[in-house]
């Protein structure tokens, strides 16, 4: 399942894409390091506890 995280347009965006096995690819872009770190932390938490987070958008 492809997952997209975007807090607000100014905060940046992150994409989680499952890979073969237990791996997940995380791609993120943000206007500064602080916002990028927040997106990466959110993505990391989502990969550890998928049921506890609610992404803003999901693709089948």
C-alpha atoms as a PDB file:
ATOM      1  CA  UNK A   1       0.000   0.000   0.000  1.00  0.00           C
ATOM      2  CA  UNK A   2       1.403   3.353  -1.035  1.00  0.00           C
ATOM      3  CA  UNK A   3       1.111   6.001   1.708  1.00  0.00           C
ATOM      4  CA  UNK A   4       1.535   9.751   1.374  1.00  0.00           C
ATOM      5  CA  UNK A   5       2.042  12.060   4.348  1.00  0.00           C
ATOM      6  CA  UNK A   6       1.624  15.802   4.015  1.00  0.00           C
ATOM      7  CA  UNK A   7       1.095  17.978   7.054  1.00  0.00           C
ATOM      8  CA  UNK A   8       0.491  21.205   5.146  1.00  0.00           C
ATOM      9  CA  UNK A   9       1.824  22.284   1.748  1.00  0.00           C
ATOM     10  CA  UNK A  10       4.452  24.415   3.493  1.00  0.00           C
ATOM     11  CA  UNK A  11       5.661  21.536   5.699  1.00  0.00           C
ATOM     12  CA  UNK A  12       6.637  19.188   2.884  1.00  0.00           C
ATOM     13  CA  UNK A  13       5.574  15.717   1.799  1.00  0.00           C
ATOM     14  CA  UNK A  14       6.668  12.132   2.416  1.00  0.00           C
ATOM     15  CA  UNK A  15       5.909   8.968   0.488  1.00  0.00           C
ATOM     16  CA  UNK A  16       6.153   5.422   1.865  1.00  0.00           C
ATOM     17  CA  UNK A  17       6.351   2.606  -0.672  1.00  0.00           C
ATOM     18  CA  UNK A  18       6.643  -1.044   0.358  1.00  0.00           C
ATOM     19  CA  UNK A  19       9.521  -3.029  -1.103  1.00  0.00           C
ATOM     20  CA  UNK A  20      10.100  -6.781  -1.252  1.00  0.00           C
ATOM     21  CA  UNK A  21      10.420  -8.385   2.154  1.00  0.00           C
ATOM     22  CA  UNK A  22      10.146  -6.251   5.272  1.00  0.00           C
ATOM     23  CA  UNK A  23      11.584  -3.112   3.629  1.00  0.00           C
ATOM     24  CA  UNK A  24       9.912   0.246   3.009  1.00  0.00           C
ATOM     25  CA  UNK A  25      11.217   3.078   0.848  1.00  0.00           C
ATOM     26  CA  UNK A  26      10.679   6.542   2.344  1.00  0.00           C
ATOM     27  CA  UNK A  27      11.063   9.605   0.130  1.00  0.00           C
ATOM     28  CA  UNK A  28      10.605  13.030   1.713  1.00  0.00           C
ATOM     29  CA  UNK A  29      11.031  16.669   0.741  1.00  0.00           C
ATOM     30  CA  UNK A  30      10.619  19.718   2.968  1.00  0.00           C
ATOM     31  CA  UNK A  31      11.673  23.373   2.944  1.00  0.00           C
ATOM     32  CA  UNK A  32      14.079  22.974   5.892  1.00  0.00           C
ATOM     33  CA  UNK A  33      15.784  20.351   8.018  1.00  0.00           C
ATOM     34  CA  UNK A  34      13.422  20.685  10.977  1.00  0.00           C
ATOM     35  CA  UNK A  35      10.346  19.960   8.870  1.00  0.00           C
ATOM     36  CA  UNK A  36      12.153  17.177   7.025  1.00  0.00           C
ATOM     37  CA  UNK A  37      13.051  15.505  10.332  1.00  0.00           C
ATOM     38  CA  UNK A  38       9.421  15.753  11.483  1.00  0.00           C
ATOM     39  CA  UNK A  39       8.231  14.064   8.275  1.00  0.00           C
ATOM     40  CA  UNK A  40      10.850  11.328   8.559  1.00  0.00           C
ATOM     41  CA  UNK A  41       9.930  10.699  12.205  1.00  0.00           C
ATOM     42  CA  UNK A  42       6.255  10.418  11.238  1.00  0.00           C
ATOM     43  CA  UNK A  43       7.110   7.996   8.428  1.00  0.00           C
ATOM     44  CA  UNK A  44       9.336   5.938  10.723  1.00  0.00           C
ATOM     45  CA  UNK A  45       6.572   5.672  13.319  1.00  0.00           C
ATOM     46  CA  UNK A  46       4.125   4.590  10.606  1.00  0.00           C
ATOM     47  CA  UNK A  47       6.393   1.747   9.509  1.00  0.00           C
ATOM     48  CA  UNK A  48       6.756   0.527  13.099  1.00  0.00           C
ATOM     49  CA  UNK A  49       3.072   0.888  14.076  1.00  0.00           C
ATOM     50  CA  UNK A  50       1.005   0.946  10.865  1.00  0.00           C
ATOM     51  CA  UNK A  51      -2.362   0.727  12.647  1.00  0.00           C
ATOM     52  CA  UNK A  52      -1.648   3.627  15.018  1.00  0.00           C
ATOM     53  CA  UNK A  53      -1.119   6.279  12.334  1.00  0.00           C
ATOM     54  CA  UNK A  54      -3.570   7.635   9.826  1.00  0.00           C
ATOM     55  CA  UNK A  55      -1.990   8.851   6.587  1.00  0.00           C
ATOM     56  CA  UNK A  56      -3.634  11.678   4.776  1.00  0.00           C
ATOM     57  CA  UNK A  57      -3.863   9.631   1.585  1.00  0.00           C
ATOM     58  CA  UNK A  58      -3.625   5.940   0.679  1.00  0.00           C
ATOM     59  CA  UNK A  59      -3.498   4.117  -2.613  1.00  0.00           C
ATOM     60  CA  UNK A  60      -4.568   0.446  -2.976  1.00  0.00           C
END
